[in-house]
Amino acid sequence: MSTAKKTAKPSDLASSLDKNREATEEIKQIADDLALVHTVLDQTVPSGAPEDLGLATEQAVNLEKQLGEAADKLDKVNEQLTDEIEARKPNDPA
């Protein structure tokens, strides 16, 4: 059994990069939607509301932050993949 590493072709990496970019944009959209929910909850929940609503609002803030951090990490991975794809492209003798 061979233990040699299989090197991904630029086209394989490009496909992975496209999927990763899509996931990044989805995460950013979810974070934006969650921020909107949080804003609505902050504006419409009365001060005497049940404790569960306060906890839900607090959790929305935490989730929004986590999604933002995940999107930032994905952006960095996308940059690294882009650099790797460029590095693996055959050199054009110009």
Protein backbone atom coordinates (compact mmCIF):
# COMPACT_ATOMS: atom_id res chain seq x y z
CA MET A 1 0.00 0.00 0.00
CA SER A 2 1.41 3.36 -1.02
CA THR A 3 1.81 6.12 1.53
CA ALA A 4 2.50 8.81 -1.06
CA LYS A 5 0.36 11.91 -0.74
CA LYS A 6 -2.00 12.67 -3.58
CA THR A 7 -1.54 16.23 -4.76
CA ALA A 8 -4.71 18.03 -5.74
CA LYS A 9 -4.82 19.53 -9.21
CA PRO A 10 -5.52 23.25 -9.56
CA SER A 11 -8.95 22.40 -11.00
CA ASP A 12 -9.76 20.31 -7.89
CA LEU A 13 -8.64 23.14 -5.67
CA ALA A 14 -10.63 25.64 -7.73
CA SER A 15 -13.76 23.54 -7.24
CA SER A 16 -13.11 23.38 -3.50
CA LEU A 17 -12.52 27.11 -3.43
CA ASP A 18 -15.83 27.77 -5.20
CA LYS A 19 -17.69 25.60 -2.68
CA ASN A 20 -15.88 27.27 0.20
CA ARG A 21 -16.74 30.72 -1.12
CA GLU A 22 -20.41 29.72 -1.37
CA ALA A 23 -20.34 28.46 2.22
CA THR A 24 -18.66 31.68 3.35
CA GLU A 25 -21.36 33.80 1.74
CA GLU A 26 -24.11 31.62 3.26
CA ILE A 27 -22.57 32.02 6.73
CA LYS A 28 -22.33 35.78 6.26
CA GLN A 29 -25.99 35.92 5.18
CA ILE A 30 -27.06 33.86 8.19
CA ALA A 31 -25.08 36.16 10.48
CA ASP A 32 -26.78 39.19 8.91
CA ASP A 33 -30.21 37.57 9.32
CA LEU A 34 -29.42 36.73 12.94
CA ALA A 35 -28.33 40.32 13.56
CA LEU A 36 -31.70 41.48 12.24
CA VAL A 37 -33.53 39.05 14.55
CA HIS A 38 -31.45 40.32 17.45
CA THR A 39 -32.29 43.93 16.60
CA VAL A 40 -36.01 43.15 16.45
CA LEU A 41 -35.87 41.28 19.76
CA ASP A 42 -34.02 44.15 21.42
CA GLN A 43 -36.62 46.64 20.23
CA THR A 44 -39.77 44.63 20.88
CA VAL A 45 -39.12 42.63 24.05
CA PRO A 46 -40.55 44.53 27.02
CA SER A 47 -38.44 44.94 30.13
CA GLY A 48 -40.68 42.60 32.16
CA ALA A 49 -40.54 39.80 29.57
CA PRO A 50 -39.91 36.22 30.65
CA GLU A 51 -36.31 35.29 31.32
CA ASP A 52 -36.30 32.89 28.35
CA LEU A 53 -36.61 35.81 25.93
CA GLY A 54 -33.63 37.54 27.50
CA LEU A 55 -31.61 34.34 27.24
CA ALA A 56 -32.65 33.93 23.61
CA THR A 57 -31.52 37.47 22.84
CA GLU A 58 -28.19 36.86 24.56
CA GLN A 59 -27.73 33.60 22.67
CA ALA A 60 -28.47 35.40 19.39
CA VAL A 61 -25.60 37.79 20.13
CA ASN A 62 -23.25 34.89 20.84
CA LEU A 63 -24.28 33.04 17.69
CA GLU A 64 -23.88 36.16 15.58
CA LYS A 65 -20.34 36.59 16.89
CA GLN A 66 -19.48 32.92 16.28
CA LEU A 67 -20.82 33.05 12.73
CA GLY A 68 -18.80 36.20 12.05
CA GLU A 69 -15.63 34.54 13.34
CA ALA A 70 -16.30 31.44 11.23
CA ALA A 71 -16.80 33.60 8.13
CA ASP A 72 -13.50 35.38 8.83
CA LYS A 73 -11.72 32.02 9.07
CA LEU A 74 -13.29 30.88 5.81
CA ASP A 75 -12.18 34.11 4.12
CA LYS A 76 -8.60 33.36 5.19
CA VAL A 77 -8.85 29.78 3.89
CA ASN A 78 -10.22 31.13 0.60
CA GLU A 79 -7.22 33.42 0.29
CA GLN A 80 -4.84 30.53 0.95
CA LEU A 81 -6.61 28.32 -1.59
CA THR A 82 -6.46 31.10 -4.16
CA ASP A 83 -2.73 31.50 -3.57
CA GLU A 84 -2.18 27.74 -3.84
CA ILE A 85 -4.15 27.52 -7.09
CA GLU A 86 -2.07 30.33 -8.57
CA ALA A 87 1.14 28.64 -7.42
CA ARG A 88 0.17 25.35 -9.09
CA LYS A 89 -0.78 26.83 -12.44
CA PRO A 90 1.69 26.05 -15.21
CA ASN A 91 3.98 28.95 -16.01
CA ASP A 92 3.14 30.73 -19.24
CA PRO A 93 6.29 31.63 -21.14
CA ALA A 94 5.38 35.14 -22.20
